[in-house]
Amino acid sequence: MVPATPLVARAAAYSGAPDACAVPIPGYTPGNAAQALGGEQGGTVMRWWRIGNAMLMLLVLPLVIYLLNRVLAALERIRYSTDQILADGAELVSDLDGVPEALATTDQTVRDVSTGATRYAGSVAKLLG
């Protein structure tokens, strides 16, 4: 036998179950709001739920779709811009083939100028000093 607990006693006393196996659960509201609230008040509650659902479908859902469309359009513009940057960057790489040789030439020029500048500074120091 099942020991008598308050839940088992309430389940045995519950006669409004839609089927014989239904056991009331504390804090559970039945799916039928009219049954939960009883009588005409349940019909009024369901009417308000239907009105709320209609407002959700007619007002909120189109707004969400509109905002999502704007975000996705911005995303497409960003994607297009990044593709253009990548393509232009790939073209730029071919223009940079001569850079190492140009840097080597610049380094040699700096060494030559520094040698001449040192000689010039030494001559000026002898004249002034």
C-alpha atoms as a PDB file:
ATOM      1  CA  MET A   1       0.000   0.000   0.000  1.00  0.00           C
ATOM      2  CA  VAL A   2       1.027   3.571  -0.622  1.00  0.00           C
ATOM      3  CA  PRO A   3       1.515   5.553   2.586  1.00  0.00           C
ATOM      4  CA  ALA A   4      -1.018   8.340   3.022  1.00  0.00           C
ATOM      5  CA  THR A   5       0.685  11.647   2.247  1.00  0.00           C
ATOM      6  CA  PRO A   6      -1.036  14.974   1.714  1.00  0.00           C
ATOM      7  CA  LEU A   7      -0.397  14.771  -2.047  1.00  0.00           C
ATOM      8  CA  VAL A   8      -1.835  11.239  -2.299  1.00  0.00           C
ATOM      9  CA  ALA A   9      -4.827  12.260  -0.207  1.00  0.00           C
ATOM     10  CA  ARG A  10      -5.455  15.292  -2.418  1.00  0.00           C
ATOM     11  CA  ALA A  11      -5.059  13.155  -5.541  1.00  0.00           C
ATOM     12  CA  ALA A  12      -7.642  10.716  -4.239  1.00  0.00           C
ATOM     13  CA  ALA A  13     -10.029  13.533  -3.371  1.00  0.00           C
ATOM     14  CA  TYR A  14      -9.588  15.337  -6.708  1.00  0.00           C
ATOM     15  CA  SER A  15     -12.704  14.641  -8.742  1.00  0.00           C
ATOM     16  CA  GLY A  16     -12.408  17.327 -11.417  1.00  0.00           C
ATOM     17  CA  ALA A  17      -9.674  15.550 -13.374  1.00  0.00           C
ATOM     18  CA  PRO A  18     -10.299  15.325 -17.124  1.00  0.00           C
ATOM     19  CA  ASP A  19      -9.244  11.695 -17.063  1.00  0.00           C
ATOM     20  CA  ALA A  20      -8.932   9.108 -14.342  1.00  0.00           C
ATOM     21  CA  CYS A  21      -5.112   9.221 -14.173  1.00  0.00           C
ATOM     22  CA  ALA A  22      -4.720  12.970 -13.688  1.00  0.00           C
ATOM     23  CA  VAL A  23      -3.061  14.013 -10.425  1.00  0.00           C
ATOM     24  CA  PRO A  24      -2.998  17.693  -9.493  1.00  0.00           C
ATOM     25  CA  ILE A  25       0.474  19.148  -9.176  1.00  0.00           C
ATOM     26  CA  PRO A  26       0.990  22.042  -6.756  1.00  0.00           C
ATOM     27  CA  GLY A  27       1.640  25.294  -8.632  1.00  0.00           C
ATOM     28  CA  TYR A  28       0.496  23.849 -11.964  1.00  0.00           C
ATOM     29  CA  THR A  29      -2.122  25.722 -13.975  1.00  0.00           C
ATOM     30  CA  PRO A  30      -4.159  23.531 -16.293  1.00  0.00           C
ATOM     31  CA  GLY A  31      -3.769  24.163 -20.021  1.00  0.00           C
ATOM     32  CA  ASN A  32      -7.410  25.178 -20.246  1.00  0.00           C
ATOM     33  CA  ALA A  33      -7.563  28.632 -18.656  1.00  0.00           C
ATOM     34  CA  ALA A  34     -11.351  28.495 -18.509  1.00  0.00           C
ATOM     35  CA  GLN A  35     -11.099  25.373 -16.366  1.00  0.00           C
ATOM     36  CA  ALA A  36      -8.449  27.021 -14.180  1.00  0.00           C
ATOM     37  CA  LEU A  37     -10.466  30.171 -13.573  1.00  0.00           C
ATOM     38  CA  GLY A  38     -13.918  28.698 -13.958  1.00  0.00           C
ATOM     39  CA  GLY A  39     -16.945  29.999 -15.825  1.00  0.00           C
ATOM     40  CA  GLU A  40     -17.185  33.191 -17.863  1.00  0.00           C
ATOM     41  CA  GLN A  41     -14.039  34.713 -16.425  1.00  0.00           C
ATOM     42  CA  GLY A  42     -12.024  32.028 -18.205  1.00  0.00           C
ATOM     43  CA  GLY A  43     -13.566  33.027 -21.522  1.00  0.00           C
ATOM     44  CA  THR A  44     -12.645  36.658 -20.900  1.00  0.00           C
ATOM     45  CA  VAL A  45      -9.061  35.682 -20.087  1.00  0.00           C
ATOM     46  CA  MET A  46      -8.801  33.617 -23.232  1.00  0.00           C
ATOM     47  CA  ARG A  47     -10.193  36.521 -25.260  1.00  0.00           C
ATOM     48  CA  TRP A  48      -7.478  38.796 -23.864  1.00  0.00           C
ATOM     49  CA  TRP A  49      -4.844  36.161 -24.659  1.00  0.00           C
ATOM     50  CA  ARG A  50      -6.098  35.985 -28.232  1.00  0.00           C
ATOM     51  CA  ILE A  51      -6.019  39.785 -28.525  1.00  0.00           C
ATOM     52  CA  GLY A  52      -2.466  39.816 -27.136  1.00  0.00           C
ATOM     53  CA  ASN A  53      -1.371  37.107 -29.563  1.00  0.00           C
ATOM     54  CA  ALA A  54      -2.946  39.004 -32.469  1.00  0.00           C
ATOM     55  CA  MET A  55      -1.101  42.183 -31.439  1.00  0.00           C
ATOM     56  CA  LEU A  56       2.109  40.203 -31.227  1.00  0.00           C
ATOM     57  CA  MET A  57       1.646  38.838 -34.711  1.00  0.00           C
ATOM     58  CA  LEU A  58       0.443  42.098 -36.284  1.00  0.00           C
ATOM     59  CA  LEU A  59       2.684  44.665 -34.537  1.00  0.00           C
ATOM     60  CA  VAL A  60       5.722  43.162 -32.905  1.00  0.00           C
ATOM     61  CA  LEU A  61       6.614  40.480 -35.438  1.00  0.00           C
ATOM     62  CA  PRO A  62       6.755  42.877 -38.447  1.00  0.00           C
ATOM     63  CA  LEU A  63       8.886  45.268 -36.391  1.00  0.00           C
ATOM     64  CA  VAL A  64      11.308  42.483 -35.530  1.00  0.00           C
ATOM     65  CA  ILE A  65      11.450  41.416 -39.190  1.00  0.00           C
ATOM     66  CA  TYR A  66      12.084  45.038 -40.279  1.00  0.00           C
ATOM     67  CA  LEU A  67      14.914  45.489 -37.772  1.00  0.00           C
ATOM     68  CA  LEU A  68      16.416  42.131 -38.689  1.00  0.00           C
ATOM     69  CA  ASN A  69      16.295  43.133 -42.366  1.00  0.00           C
ATOM     70  CA  ARG A  70      18.202  46.354 -41.590  1.00  0.00           C
ATOM     71  CA  VAL A  71      20.857  44.465 -39.632  1.00  0.00           C
ATOM     72  CA  LEU A  72      21.277  41.895 -42.387  1.00  0.00           C
ATOM     73  CA  ALA A  73      21.522  44.652 -45.041  1.00  0.00           C
ATOM     74  CA  ALA A  74      24.299  46.329 -43.034  1.00  0.00           C
ATOM     75  CA  LEU A  75      26.016  42.963 -42.716  1.00  0.00           C
ATOM     76  CA  GLU A  76      25.925  42.515 -46.496  1.00  0.00           C
ATOM     77  CA  ARG A  77      27.423  45.986 -47.021  1.00  0.00           C
ATOM     78  CA  ILE A  78      30.207  45.166 -44.563  1.00  0.00           C
ATOM     79  CA  ARG A  79      30.853  41.848 -46.292  1.00  0.00           C
ATOM     80  CA  TYR A  80      31.032  43.573 -49.697  1.00  0.00           C
ATOM     81  CA  SER A  81      33.474  46.179 -48.333  1.00  0.00           C
ATOM     82  CA  THR A  82      35.731  43.546 -46.795  1.00  0.00           C
ATOM     83  CA  ASP A  83      35.771  41.634 -50.090  1.00  0.00           C
ATOM     84  CA  GLN A  84      36.798  44.840 -51.895  1.00  0.00           C
ATOM     85  CA  ILE A  85      39.543  45.504 -49.332  1.00  0.00           C
ATOM     86  CA  LEU A  86      40.854  41.981 -49.797  1.00  0.00           C
ATOM     87  CA  ALA A  87      40.855  42.306 -53.597  1.00  0.00           C
ATOM     88  CA  ASP A  88      42.608  45.692 -53.488  1.00  0.00           C
ATOM     89  CA  GLY A  89      45.132  44.369 -50.982  1.00  0.00           C
ATOM     90  CA  ALA A  90      45.944  41.452 -53.286  1.00  0.00           C
ATOM     91  CA  GLU A  91      46.576  43.934 -56.131  1.00  0.00           C
ATOM     92  CA  LEU A  92      48.804  46.004 -53.861  1.00  0.00           C
ATOM     93  CA  VAL A  93      51.036  43.028 -53.073  1.00  0.00           C
ATOM     94  CA  SER A  94      52.193  42.841 -56.691  1.00  0.00           C
ATOM     95  CA  ASP A  95      53.258  46.520 -56.485  1.00  0.00           C
ATOM     96  CA  LEU A  96      55.504  45.783 -53.490  1.00  0.00           C
ATOM     97  CA  ASP A  97      57.862  43.355 -55.272  1.00  0.00           C
ATOM     98  CA  GLY A  98      60.664  45.933 -55.601  1.00  0.00           C
ATOM     99  CA  VAL A  99      60.582  47.144 -51.995  1.00  0.00           C
ATOM    100  CA  PRO A 100      63.487  45.012 -50.634  1.00  0.00           C
ATOM    101  CA  GLU A 101      65.840  46.256 -53.370  1.00  0.00           C
ATOM    102  CA  ALA A 102      64.700  49.860 -52.767  1.00  0.00           C
ATOM    103  CA  LEU A 103      65.391  49.478 -49.030  1.00  0.00           C
ATOM    104  CA  ALA A 104      68.851  48.110 -49.756  1.00  0.00           C
ATOM    105  CA  THR A 105      69.554  51.122 -51.994  1.00  0.00           C
ATOM    106  CA  THR A 106      68.272  53.484 -49.290  1.00  0.00           C
ATOM    107  CA  ASP A 107      70.508  51.857 -46.668  1.00  0.00           C
ATOM    108  CA  GLN A 108      73.561  52.255 -48.911  1.00  0.00           C
ATOM    109  CA  THR A 109      72.676  55.896 -49.584  1.00  0.00           C
ATOM    110  CA  VAL A 110      72.356  56.608 -45.848  1.00  0.00           C
ATOM    111  CA  ARG A 111      75.794  55.063 -45.230  1.00  0.00           C
ATOM    112  CA  ASP A 112      77.343  57.145 -48.017  1.00  0.00           C
ATOM    113  CA  VAL A 113      75.730  60.360 -46.756  1.00  0.00           C
ATOM    114  CA  SER A 114      76.755  59.689 -43.162  1.00  0.00           C
ATOM    115  CA  THR A 115      80.372  59.150 -44.223  1.00  0.00           C
ATOM    116  CA  GLY A 116      80.375  62.435 -46.170  1.00  0.00           C
ATOM    117  CA  ALA A 117      78.629  64.287 -43.357  1.00  0.00           C
ATOM    118  CA  THR A 118      81.195  63.044 -40.848  1.00  0.00           C
ATOM    119  CA  ARG A 119      84.060  64.283 -43.052  1.00  0.00           C
ATOM    120  CA  TYR A 120      82.313  67.628 -43.535  1.00  0.00           C
ATOM    121  CA  ALA A 121      81.672  68.033 -39.798  1.00  0.00           C
ATOM    122  CA  GLY A 122      85.334  67.257 -39.096  1.00  0.00           C
ATOM    123  CA  SER A 123      86.481  69.914 -41.576  1.00  0.00           C
ATOM    124  CA  VAL A 124      84.109  72.511 -40.132  1.00  0.00           C
ATOM    125  CA  ALA A 125      85.343  71.693 -36.629  1.00  0.00           C
ATOM    126  CA  LYS A 126      88.963  72.321 -37.707  1.00  0.00           C
ATOM    127  CA  LEU A 127      88.013  75.663 -39.285  1.00  0.00           C
ATOM    128  CA  LEU A 128      86.031  76.878 -36.290  1.00  0.00           C
ATOM    129  CA  GLY A 129      88.042  75.423 -33.588  1.00  0.00           C
END
